[in-house]
C-alpha atoms as a PDB file:
ATOM      1  CA  MET A   1      20.866  18.378  -9.783  1.00  0.00           C
ATOM      2  CA  VAL A   2      19.186  15.663 -11.864  1.00  0.00           C
ATOM      3  CA  GLU A   3      17.771  13.621  -9.197  1.00  0.00           C
ATOM      4  CA  LYS A   4      15.004  14.582  -6.723  1.00  0.00           C
ATOM      5  CA  LYS A   5      15.155  12.935  -3.119  1.00  0.00           C
ATOM      6  CA  TYR A   6      12.285  12.042  -1.092  1.00  0.00           C
ATOM      7  CA  GLU A   7      12.191  11.193   2.636  1.00  0.00           C
ATOM      8  CA  TYR A   8       9.760   8.874   4.748  1.00  0.00           C
ATOM      9  CA  SER A   9       8.978   9.071   8.267  1.00  0.00           C
ATOM     10  CA  ILE A  10      10.970   6.232  10.581  1.00  0.00           C
ATOM     11  CA  THR A  11       8.459   5.317  12.831  1.00  0.00           C
ATOM     12  CA  ASP A  12       6.693   2.894  15.281  1.00  0.00           C
ATOM     13  CA  ASP A  13       3.586   5.052  15.192  1.00  0.00           C
ATOM     14  CA  LYS A  14       0.579   4.615  12.623  1.00  0.00           C
ATOM     15  CA  ILE A  15       1.280   6.976  10.072  1.00  0.00           C
ATOM     16  CA  ILE A  16      -0.114   7.105   6.457  1.00  0.00           C
ATOM     17  CA  GLU A  17       2.155   9.706   4.325  1.00  0.00           C
ATOM     18  CA  LYS A  18       2.368  10.444   0.492  1.00  0.00           C
ATOM     19  CA  ILE A  19       5.866   9.968  -0.658  1.00  0.00           C
ATOM     20  CA  VAL A  20       5.486  10.766  -4.648  1.00  0.00           C
ATOM     21  CA  ASP A  21       2.532  12.095  -6.157  1.00  0.00           C
ATOM     22  CA  ASP A  22       3.581  13.057  -9.893  1.00  0.00           C
ATOM     23  CA  GLU A  23       2.538  12.258 -13.438  1.00  0.00           C
ATOM     24  CA  ASN A  24       4.033   8.680 -13.173  1.00  0.00           C
ATOM     25  CA  ILE A  25       3.553   7.168  -9.821  1.00  0.00           C
ATOM     26  CA  ASN A  26       1.841   7.526  -6.535  1.00  0.00           C
ATOM     27  CA  LEU A  27       3.716   6.243  -3.921  1.00  0.00           C
ATOM     28  CA  ASN A  28       2.501   5.871  -0.260  1.00  0.00           C
ATOM     29  CA  HIS A  29       4.212   5.131   2.956  1.00  0.00           C
ATOM     30  CA  MET A  30       2.279   3.285   5.480  1.00  0.00           C
ATOM     31  CA  VAL A  31       2.913   2.201   8.976  1.00  0.00           C
ATOM     32  CA  LEU A  32       0.142   0.419  10.969  1.00  0.00           C
ATOM     33  CA  VAL A  33       0.158  -0.826  14.661  1.00  0.00           C
ATOM     34  CA  LYS A  34      -1.733  -3.716  15.859  1.00  0.00           C
ATOM     35  CA  GLY A  35      -5.427  -4.235  15.333  1.00  0.00           C
ATOM     36  CA  THR A  36      -5.673  -1.216  12.708  1.00  0.00           C
ATOM     37  CA  GLY A  37      -5.966  -1.105   8.962  1.00  0.00           C
ATOM     38  CA  LEU A  38      -7.186   0.730   6.283  1.00  0.00           C
ATOM     39  CA  PRO A  39     -10.769   1.718   5.535  1.00  0.00           C
ATOM     40  CA  GLU A  40     -12.248  -0.970   2.507  1.00  0.00           C
ATOM     41  CA  HIS A  41     -11.949   0.582  -0.611  1.00  0.00           C
ATOM     42  CA  TYR A  42     -11.033  -0.452  -4.478  1.00  0.00           C
ATOM     43  CA  SER A  43      -8.067  -0.042  -6.251  1.00  0.00           C
ATOM     44  CA  ASN A  44      -7.681   2.912  -8.065  1.00  0.00           C
ATOM     45  CA  SER A  45      -5.173   2.113 -10.398  1.00  0.00           C
ATOM     46  CA  ASN A  46      -2.575  -0.965 -10.743  1.00  0.00           C
ATOM     47  CA  VAL A  47      -1.457  -1.320  -7.323  1.00  0.00           C
ATOM     48  CA  TYR A  48       2.004  -2.948  -5.594  1.00  0.00           C
ATOM     49  CA  MET A  49       2.234  -3.236  -2.028  1.00  0.00           C
ATOM     50  CA  ILE A  50       5.956  -3.988  -0.452  1.00  0.00           C
ATOM     51  CA  ILE A  51       5.920  -5.399   2.938  1.00  0.00           C
ATOM     52  CA  VAL A  52       8.996  -4.242   4.602  1.00  0.00           C
ATOM     53  CA  ARG A  53       8.166  -5.089   8.337  1.00  0.00           C
ATOM     54  CA  GLY A  54       5.270  -7.140  10.202  1.00  0.00           C
ATOM     55  CA  GLU A  55       2.778  -9.270   8.859  1.00  0.00           C
ATOM     56  CA  MET A  56      -0.267  -8.002   6.467  1.00  0.00           C
ATOM     57  CA  THR A  57      -3.867  -9.552   6.342  1.00  0.00           C
ATOM     58  CA  LEU A  58      -5.162  -8.781   2.999  1.00  0.00           C
ATOM     59  CA  GLN A  59      -8.896  -9.456   1.707  1.00  0.00           C
ATOM     60  CA  LEU A  60      -9.185  -8.500  -1.979  1.00  0.00           C
ATOM     61  CA  ASN A  61     -13.109  -9.107  -3.179  1.00  0.00           C
ATOM     62  CA  GLU A  62     -14.673 -11.831  -1.371  1.00  0.00           C
ATOM     63  CA  GLN A  63     -11.386 -14.565  -1.038  1.00  0.00           C
ATOM     64  CA  GLU A  64     -10.417 -15.623   2.129  1.00  0.00           C
ATOM     65  CA  PRO A  65      -7.842 -13.191   3.480  1.00  0.00           C
ATOM     66  CA  HIS A  66      -4.276 -13.909   3.260  1.00  0.00           C
ATOM     67  CA  LEU A  67      -1.250 -13.536   5.077  1.00  0.00           C
ATOM     68  CA  TYR A  68       1.836 -11.529   3.380  1.00  0.00           C
ATOM     69  CA  THR A  69       5.065 -10.840   5.232  1.00  0.00           C
ATOM     70  CA  LYS A  70       8.372  -9.131   5.237  1.00  0.00           C
ATOM     71  CA  GLY A  71       9.856  -9.202   1.837  1.00  0.00           C
ATOM     72  CA  ASP A  72       6.567  -9.975  -0.100  1.00  0.00           C
ATOM     73  CA  ILE A  73       5.575  -7.253  -2.710  1.00  0.00           C
ATOM     74  CA  ILE A  74       1.834  -8.153  -3.826  1.00  0.00           C
ATOM     75  CA  ASN A  75       0.203  -6.962  -6.961  1.00  0.00           C
ATOM     76  CA  ILE A  76      -3.375  -5.912  -6.806  1.00  0.00           C
ATOM     77  CA  PRO A  77      -5.368  -5.030 -10.371  1.00  0.00           C
ATOM     78  CA  TYR A  78      -7.012  -2.067 -10.954  1.00  0.00           C
ATOM     79  CA  LYS A  79     -10.985  -1.660  -9.256  1.00  0.00           C
ATOM     80  CA  THR A  80     -10.524  -4.680  -6.584  1.00  0.00           C
ATOM     81  CA  LYS A  81     -11.743  -4.429  -3.214  1.00  0.00           C
ATOM     82  CA  MET A  82      -9.407  -4.159  -0.675  1.00  0.00           C
ATOM     83  CA  ASN A  83      -9.174  -4.759   3.114  1.00  0.00           C
ATOM     84  CA  VAL A  84      -5.914  -4.160   4.859  1.00  0.00           C
ATOM     85  CA  LYS A  85      -5.291  -4.986   8.516  1.00  0.00           C
ATOM     86  CA  ASN A  86      -2.517  -5.730  10.732  1.00  0.00           C
ATOM     87  CA  LEU A  87      -3.818  -8.517  13.168  1.00  0.00           C
ATOM     88  CA  ASP A  88      -0.137  -8.959  14.278  1.00  0.00           C
ATOM     89  CA  GLU A  89       1.934  -7.675  17.501  1.00  0.00           C
ATOM     90  CA  GLU A  90       4.571  -6.568  15.457  1.00  0.00           C
ATOM     91  CA  VAL A  91       4.290  -3.062  13.986  1.00  0.00           C
ATOM     92  CA  LEU A  92       3.191  -3.296  10.010  1.00  0.00           C
ATOM     93  CA  GLU A  93       5.295  -1.173   7.590  1.00  0.00           C
ATOM     94  CA  PHE A  94       4.845  -0.713   3.971  1.00  0.00           C
ATOM     95  CA  PHE A  95       5.342   1.032   0.775  1.00  0.00           C
ATOM     96  CA  VAL A  96       2.354   1.065  -1.711  1.00  0.00           C
ATOM     97  CA  VAL A  97       3.244   2.247  -5.726  1.00  0.00           C
ATOM     98  CA  LYS A  98       0.440   3.032  -7.784  1.00  0.00           C
ATOM     99  CA  SER A  99       1.295   2.908 -11.497  1.00  0.00           C
ATOM    100  CA  PRO A 100       0.060   5.001 -13.379  1.00  0.00           C
ATOM    101  CA  ASN A 101      -0.795   7.636 -11.137  1.00  0.00           C
ATOM    102  CA  PRO A 102      -4.527   7.512 -10.332  1.00  0.00           C
ATOM    103  CA  LYS A 103      -5.117  10.944 -11.556  1.00  0.00           C
ATOM    104  CA  ASN A 104      -3.730   9.749 -14.895  1.00  0.00           C
ATOM    105  CA  TYR A 105      -5.576   6.367 -15.221  1.00  0.00           C
ATOM    106  CA  LYS A 106      -7.766   5.699 -18.329  1.00  0.00           C
ATOM    107  CA  GLU A 107      -9.479   2.448 -18.502  1.00  0.00           C
ATOM    108  CA  ARG A 108      -8.846   0.497 -21.144  1.00  0.00           C
ATOM    109  CA  GLU A 109     -11.653  -0.770 -23.308  1.00  0.00           C
END
């Protein structure tokens, strides 16, 4: 078999799961219920967030928070301060793609 198959959970409960962690990318699947979020942190690679359900409140660096919804794909540069929250009634579900994989990221000079 040439291809690899990966699976992710189908749930309405809070979950953060690593789907792919290989030499090329890091792919995570996240579900956040109302009032939850991720700890504030800095991006450790080029980050792409793909919203598949709900509304994400995202604050980057010191800018005002922005609202992103189902169908949006957000690109966040390396070393950007991130604050991700679900302030909406609906469950927030999204995928995070990091490329290159942070373990292989070399800062450009």
